[in-house]
PDB file of N, CA and C in Angstrom:
ATOM      1  N   MET A   1      11.394  11.203  -3.690  1.00  0.00           N
ATOM      2  CA  MET A   1      11.411  10.622  -2.347  1.00  0.00           C
ATOM      3  C   MET A   1      12.387   9.448  -2.364  1.00  0.00           C
ATOM      4  N   ALA A   2      13.138   9.337  -1.305  1.00  0.00           N
ATOM      5  CA  ALA A   2      14.107   8.250  -1.216  1.00  0.00           C
ATOM      6  C   ALA A   2      13.418   6.923  -0.979  1.00  0.00           C
ATOM      7  N   ARG A   3      13.918   5.921  -1.596  1.00  0.00           N
ATOM      8  CA  ARG A   3      13.340   4.583  -1.389  1.00  0.00           C
ATOM      9  C   ARG A   3      13.723   4.071   0.004  1.00  0.00           C
ATOM     10  N   VAL A   4      12.754   3.501   0.679  1.00  0.00           N
ATOM     11  CA  VAL A   4      12.949   2.975   2.004  1.00  0.00           C
ATOM     12  C   VAL A   4      12.991   1.457   1.915  1.00  0.00           C
ATOM     13  N   SER A   5      14.070   0.892   2.377  1.00  0.00           N
ATOM     14  CA  SER A   5      14.188  -0.548   2.334  1.00  0.00           C
ATOM     15  C   SER A   5      13.278  -1.185   3.404  1.00  0.00           C
ATOM     16  N   ILE A   6      12.692  -2.299   3.055  1.00  0.00           N
ATOM     17  CA  ILE A   6      11.867  -3.029   4.005  1.00  0.00           C
ATOM     18  C   ILE A   6      12.671  -3.327   5.275  1.00  0.00           C
ATOM     19  N   SER A   7      13.973  -3.594   5.099  1.00  0.00           N
ATOM     20  CA  SER A   7      14.798  -3.908   6.239  1.00  0.00           C
ATOM     21  C   SER A   7      14.964  -2.710   7.172  1.00  0.00           C
ATOM     22  N   GLN A   8      14.620  -1.491   6.750  1.00  0.00           N
ATOM     23  CA  GLN A   8      14.766  -0.297   7.589  1.00  0.00           C
ATOM     24  C   GLN A   8      13.580  -0.108   8.500  1.00  0.00           C
ATOM     25  N   ARG A   9      12.524  -0.907   8.349  1.00  0.00           N
ATOM     26  CA  ARG A   9      11.331  -0.761   9.212  1.00  0.00           C
ATOM     27  C   ARG A   9      11.612  -1.459  10.539  1.00  0.00           C
ATOM     28  N   ALA A  10      11.122  -0.825  11.615  1.00  0.00           N
ATOM     29  CA  ALA A  10      11.289  -1.430  12.962  1.00  0.00           C
ATOM     30  C   ALA A  10      10.279  -2.533  13.179  1.00  0.00           C
ATOM     31  N   SER A  11       9.102  -2.449  12.505  1.00  0.00           N
ATOM     32  CA  SER A  11       8.091  -3.462  12.676  1.00  0.00           C
ATOM     33  C   SER A  11       7.283  -3.566  11.370  1.00  0.00           C
ATOM     34  N   PRO A  12       6.604  -4.658  11.181  1.00  0.00           N
ATOM     35  CA  PRO A  12       5.792  -4.813   9.949  1.00  0.00           C
ATOM     36  C   PRO A  12       4.589  -3.856   9.935  1.00  0.00           C
ATOM     37  N   ALA A  13       4.212  -3.437   8.739  1.00  0.00           N
ATOM     38  CA  ALA A  13       2.992  -2.643   8.594  1.00  0.00           C
ATOM     39  C   ALA A  13       1.778  -3.551   8.671  1.00  0.00           C
ATOM     40  N   GLY A  14       0.763  -3.156   9.393  1.00  0.00           N
ATOM     41  CA  GLY A  14      -0.385  -4.017   9.592  1.00  0.00           C
ATOM     42  C   GLY A  14      -1.628  -3.534   8.861  1.00  0.00           C
ATOM     43  N   VAL A  15      -2.362  -4.464   8.350  1.00  0.00           N
ATOM     44  CA  VAL A  15      -3.671  -4.198   7.727  1.00  0.00           C
ATOM     45  C   VAL A  15      -4.599  -5.254   8.347  1.00  0.00           C
ATOM     46  N   THR A  16      -5.679  -4.812   8.995  1.00  0.00           N
ATOM     47  CA  THR A  16      -6.588  -5.745   9.593  1.00  0.00           C
ATOM     48  C   THR A  16      -7.801  -5.960   8.736  1.00  0.00           C
ATOM     49  N   GLY A  17      -8.434  -7.102   8.888  1.00  0.00           N
ATOM     50  CA  GLY A  17      -9.669  -7.405   8.146  1.00  0.00           C
ATOM     51  C   GLY A  17      -9.471  -7.497   6.657  1.00  0.00           C
ATOM     52  N   VAL A  18      -8.402  -8.147   6.217  1.00  0.00           N
ATOM     53  CA  VAL A  18      -8.087  -8.257   4.784  1.00  0.00           C
ATOM     54  C   VAL A  18      -8.890  -9.369   4.111  1.00  0.00           C
ATOM     55  N   LYS A  19      -9.503  -9.037   2.999  1.00  0.00           N
ATOM     56  CA  LYS A  19     -10.246 -10.024   2.226  1.00  0.00           C
ATOM     57  C   LYS A  19      -9.403 -10.604   1.113  1.00  0.00           C
ATOM     58  N   GLN A  20      -8.628  -9.739   0.403  1.00  0.00           N
ATOM     59  CA  GLN A  20      -7.726 -10.146  -0.682  1.00  0.00           C
ATOM     60  C   GLN A  20      -6.519  -9.272  -0.612  1.00  0.00           C
ATOM     61  N   ILE A  21      -5.396  -9.813  -1.167  1.00  0.00           N
ATOM     62  CA  ILE A  21      -4.195  -9.035  -1.271  1.00  0.00           C
ATOM     63  C   ILE A  21      -3.571  -9.296  -2.656  1.00  0.00           C
ATOM     64  N   ALA A  22      -2.987  -8.268  -3.219  1.00  0.00           N
ATOM     65  CA  ALA A  22      -2.267  -8.377  -4.512  1.00  0.00           C
ATOM     66  C   ALA A  22      -0.914  -7.765  -4.316  1.00  0.00           C
ATOM     67  N   VAL A  23       0.092  -8.393  -4.924  1.00  0.00           N
ATOM     68  CA  VAL A  23       1.469  -7.868  -4.783  1.00  0.00           C
ATOM     69  C   VAL A  23       2.113  -7.670  -6.122  1.00  0.00           C
ATOM     70  N   GLY A  24       2.925  -6.663  -6.195  1.00  0.00           N
ATOM     71  CA  GLY A  24       3.740  -6.400  -7.364  1.00  0.00           C
ATOM     72  C   GLY A  24       5.186  -6.624  -6.989  1.00  0.00           C
ATOM     73  N   TYR A  25       6.065  -6.179  -7.834  1.00  0.00           N
ATOM     74  CA  TYR A  25       7.495  -6.379  -7.555  1.00  0.00           C
ATOM     75  C   TYR A  25       7.950  -5.665  -6.303  1.00  0.00           C
ATOM     76  N   ASP A  26       7.538  -4.396  -6.116  1.00  0.00           N
ATOM     77  CA  ASP A  26       7.939  -3.603  -4.964  1.00  0.00           C
ATOM     78  C   ASP A  26       6.778  -2.952  -4.230  1.00  0.00           C
ATOM     79  N   HIS A  27       5.589  -3.497  -4.375  1.00  0.00           N
ATOM     80  CA  HIS A  27       4.423  -2.913  -3.693  1.00  0.00           C
ATOM     81  C   HIS A  27       3.370  -3.972  -3.466  1.00  0.00           C
ATOM     82  N   ALA A  28       2.413  -3.649  -2.588  1.00  0.00           N
ATOM     83  CA  ALA A  28       1.280  -4.572  -2.291  1.00  0.00           C
ATOM     84  C   ALA A  28       0.034  -3.743  -2.051  1.00  0.00           C
ATOM     85  N   CYS A  29      -1.129  -4.345  -2.310  1.00  0.00           N
ATOM     86  CA  CYS A  29      -2.382  -3.706  -2.052  1.00  0.00           C
ATOM     87  C   CYS A  29      -3.320  -4.694  -1.353  1.00  0.00           C
ATOM     88  N   ALA A  30      -4.172  -4.224  -0.489  1.00  0.00           N
ATOM     89  CA  ALA A  30      -5.087  -5.079   0.236  1.00  0.00           C
ATOM     90  C   ALA A  30      -6.498  -4.535   0.106  1.00  0.00           C
ATOM     91  N   LEU A  31      -7.436  -5.422  -0.199  1.00  0.00           N
ATOM     92  CA  LEU A  31      -8.858  -5.157  -0.171  1.00  0.00           C
ATOM     93  C   LEU A  31      -9.365  -5.606   1.175  1.00  0.00           C
ATOM     94  N   THR A  32      -9.953  -4.682   1.924  1.00  0.00           N
ATOM     95  CA  THR A  32     -10.426  -5.013   3.261  1.00  0.00           C
ATOM     96  C   THR A  32     -11.857  -5.521   3.240  1.00  0.00           C
ATOM     97  N   MET A  33     -12.329  -6.081   4.309  1.00  0.00           N
ATOM     98  CA  MET A  33     -13.665  -6.639   4.398  1.00  0.00           C
ATOM     99  C   MET A  33     -14.740  -5.550   4.210  1.00  0.00           C
ATOM    100  N   ASP A  34     -14.398  -4.312   4.512  1.00  0.00           N
ATOM    101  CA  ASP A  34     -15.361  -3.226   4.319  1.00  0.00           C
ATOM    102  C   ASP A  34     -15.292  -2.568   2.961  1.00  0.00           C
ATOM    103  N   GLY A  35     -14.549  -3.174   2.003  1.00  0.00           N
ATOM    104  CA  GLY A  35     -14.492  -2.694   0.636  1.00  0.00           C
ATOM    105  C   GLY A  35     -13.483  -1.621   0.351  1.00  0.00           C
ATOM    106  N   LYS A  36     -12.625  -1.281   1.281  1.00  0.00           N
ATOM    107  CA  LYS A  36     -11.596  -0.275   1.078  1.00  0.00           C
ATOM    108  C   LYS A  36     -10.332  -0.948   0.571  1.00  0.00           C
ATOM    109  N   VAL A  37      -9.503  -0.163  -0.190  1.00  0.00           N
ATOM    110  CA  VAL A  37      -8.244  -0.659  -0.693  1.00  0.00           C
ATOM    111  C   VAL A  37      -7.122   0.229  -0.194  1.00  0.00           C
ATOM    112  N   SER A  38      -6.088  -0.417   0.351  1.00  0.00           N
ATOM    113  CA  SER A  38      -4.906   0.308   0.828  1.00  0.00           C
ATOM    114  C   SER A  38      -3.679  -0.326   0.188  1.00  0.00           C
ATOM    115  N   CYS A  39      -2.711   0.520  -0.145  1.00  0.00           N
ATOM    116  CA  CYS A  39      -1.478   0.017  -0.802  1.00  0.00           C
ATOM    117  C   CYS A  39      -0.260   0.596  -0.071  1.00  0.00           C
ATOM    118  N   TRP A  40       0.877  -0.128  -0.221  1.00  0.00           N
ATOM    119  CA  TRP A  40       2.129   0.308   0.350  1.00  0.00           C
ATOM    120  C   TRP A  40       3.261  -0.221  -0.472  1.00  0.00           C
ATOM    121  N   GLY A  41       4.434   0.370  -0.301  1.00  0.00           N
ATOM    122  CA  GLY A  41       5.616  -0.041  -1.040  1.00  0.00           C
ATOM    123  C   GLY A  41       6.191   1.111  -1.863  1.00  0.00           C
ATOM    124  N   TYR A  42       6.805   0.813  -2.972  1.00  0.00           N
ATOM    125  CA  TYR A  42       7.368   1.843  -3.812  1.00  0.00           C
ATOM    126  C   TYR A  42       6.313   2.325  -4.789  1.00  0.00           C
ATOM    127  N   GLY A  43       6.176   3.632  -4.897  1.00  0.00           N
ATOM    128  CA  GLY A  43       5.114   4.200  -5.732  1.00  0.00           C
ATOM    129  C   GLY A  43       5.599   5.256  -6.740  1.00  0.00           C
ATOM    130  N   GLN A  44       6.809   5.115  -7.191  1.00  0.00           N
ATOM    131  CA  GLN A  44       7.407   6.076  -8.104  1.00  0.00           C
ATOM    132  C   GLN A  44       6.591   6.271  -9.372  1.00  0.00           C
ATOM    133  N   TYR A  45       5.915   5.265  -9.837  1.00  0.00           N
ATOM    134  CA  TYR A  45       5.148   5.348 -11.087  1.00  0.00           C
ATOM    135  C   TYR A  45       3.661   5.370 -10.890  1.00  0.00           C
ATOM    136  N   GLY A  46       3.191   5.691  -9.677  1.00  0.00           N
ATOM    137  CA  GLY A  46       1.772   5.817  -9.406  1.00  0.00           C
ATOM    138  C   GLY A  46       1.078   4.490  -9.068  1.00  0.00           C
ATOM    139  N   GLN A  47       1.824   3.421  -8.911  1.00  0.00           N
ATOM    140  CA  GLN A  47       1.214   2.118  -8.723  1.00  0.00           C
ATOM    141  C   GLN A  47       0.468   1.984  -7.391  1.00  0.00           C
ATOM    142  N   LEU A  48       0.655   2.894  -6.447  1.00  0.00           N
ATOM    143  CA  LEU A  48      -0.035   2.791  -5.168  1.00  0.00           C
ATOM    144  C   LEU A  48      -1.397   3.483  -5.188  1.00  0.00           C
ATOM    145  N   GLY A  49      -1.626   4.346  -6.124  1.00  0.00           N
ATOM    146  CA  GLY A  49      -2.901   5.045  -6.211  1.00  0.00           C
ATOM    147  C   GLY A  49      -3.109   6.052  -5.128  1.00  0.00           C
ATOM    148  N   ASN A  50      -2.024   6.531  -4.524  1.00  0.00           N
ATOM    149  CA  ASN A  50      -2.127   7.499  -3.432  1.00  0.00           C
ATOM    150  C   ASN A  50      -1.744   8.928  -3.843  1.00  0.00           C
ATOM    151  N   GLY A  51      -1.619   9.163  -5.144  1.00  0.00           N
ATOM    152  CA  GLY A  51      -1.244  10.487  -5.609  1.00  0.00           C
ATOM    153  C   GLY A  51       0.266  10.642  -5.848  1.00  0.00           C
ATOM    154  N   GLY A  52       1.024   9.566  -5.644  1.00  0.00           N
ATOM    155  CA  GLY A  52       2.424   9.583  -5.918  1.00  0.00           C
ATOM    156  C   GLY A  52       3.262   9.382  -4.687  1.00  0.00           C
ATOM    157  N   GLY A  53       4.386   8.785  -4.847  1.00  0.00           N
ATOM    158  CA  GLY A  53       5.309   8.585  -3.747  1.00  0.00           C
ATOM    159  C   GLY A  53       5.254   7.210  -3.114  1.00  0.00           C
ATOM    160  N   ASP A  54       6.267   6.914  -2.355  1.00  0.00           N
ATOM    161  CA  ASP A  54       6.411   5.644  -1.672  1.00  0.00           C
ATOM    162  C   ASP A  54       5.598   5.697  -0.343  1.00  0.00           C
ATOM    163  N   ALA A  55       5.250   4.530   0.163  1.00  0.00           N
ATOM    164  CA  ALA A  55       4.529   4.445   1.421  1.00  0.00           C
ATOM    165  C   ALA A  55       5.047   3.241   2.221  1.00  0.00           C
ATOM    166  N   VAL A  56       5.523   3.457   3.412  1.00  0.00           N
ATOM    167  CA  VAL A  56       5.976   2.377   4.272  1.00  0.00           C
ATOM    168  C   VAL A  56       4.862   1.811   5.132  1.00  0.00           C
ATOM    169  N   VAL A  57       3.735   2.469   5.127  1.00  0.00           N
ATOM    170  CA  VAL A  57       2.536   1.965   5.812  1.00  0.00           C
ATOM    171  C   VAL A  57       1.382   1.960   4.798  1.00  0.00           C
ATOM    172  N   PRO A  58       0.373   1.131   5.016  1.00  0.00           N
ATOM    173  CA  PRO A  58      -0.758   1.106   4.049  1.00  0.00           C
ATOM    174  C   PRO A  58      -1.452   2.456   4.013  1.00  0.00           C
ATOM    175  N   LEU A  59      -1.680   2.944   2.775  1.00  0.00           N
ATOM    176  CA  LEU A  59      -2.414   4.195   2.558  1.00  0.00           C
ATOM    177  C   LEU A  59      -3.604   3.924   1.656  1.00  0.00           C
ATOM    178  N   PRO A  60      -4.724   4.601   1.918  1.00  0.00           N
ATOM    179  CA  PRO A  60      -5.905   4.382   1.090  1.00  0.00           C
ATOM    180  C   PRO A  60      -5.679   4.785  -0.346  1.00  0.00           C
ATOM    181  N   VAL A  61      -6.264   4.036  -1.274  1.00  0.00           N
ATOM    182  CA  VAL A  61      -6.206   4.373  -2.684  1.00  0.00           C
ATOM    183  C   VAL A  61      -7.199   5.521  -2.945  1.00  0.00           C
ATOM    184  N   ILE A  62      -6.727   6.568  -3.628  1.00  0.00           N
ATOM    185  CA  ILE A  62      -7.549   7.761  -3.914  1.00  0.00           C
ATOM    186  C   ILE A  62      -8.521   7.470  -5.037  1.00  0.00           C
ATOM    187  N   GLY A  63      -9.758   7.941  -4.878  1.00  0.00           N
ATOM    188  CA  GLY A  63     -10.725   7.928  -5.963  1.00  0.00           C
ATOM    189  C   GLY A  63     -11.564   6.652  -6.081  1.00  0.00           C
ATOM    190  N   LEU A  64     -11.392   5.717  -5.198  1.00  0.00           N
ATOM    191  CA  LEU A  64     -12.235   4.509  -5.222  1.00  0.00           C
ATOM    192  C   LEU A  64     -13.483   4.789  -4.418  1.00  0.00           C
ATOM    193  N   GLY A  65     -14.593   4.411  -4.914  1.00  0.00           N
ATOM    194  CA  GLY A  65     -15.842   4.579  -4.207  1.00  0.00           C
ATOM    195  C   GLY A  65     -16.850   3.589  -4.688  1.00  0.00           C
ATOM    196  N   GLY A  66     -17.976   3.528  -4.013  1.00  0.00           N
ATOM    197  CA  GLY A  66     -18.949   2.600  -4.505  1.00  0.00           C
ATOM    198  C   GLY A  66     -19.747   1.944  -3.442  1.00  0.00           C
TER     199      GLY A  66
END
């Protein structure tokens, strides 16, 4: 998948009800108030937890439950 520059987005990606956020070099993840985790950014090495690939919008992390 081709890398998408942040400057190529028309508007920022939104995550509402965020409790905590963690950022890496080219990606970020947010823990929401309801206990869900979503990540976005570059995911070439699986760092997004979405099964692979980049995400320009927040996507849920696969396999988290509880």
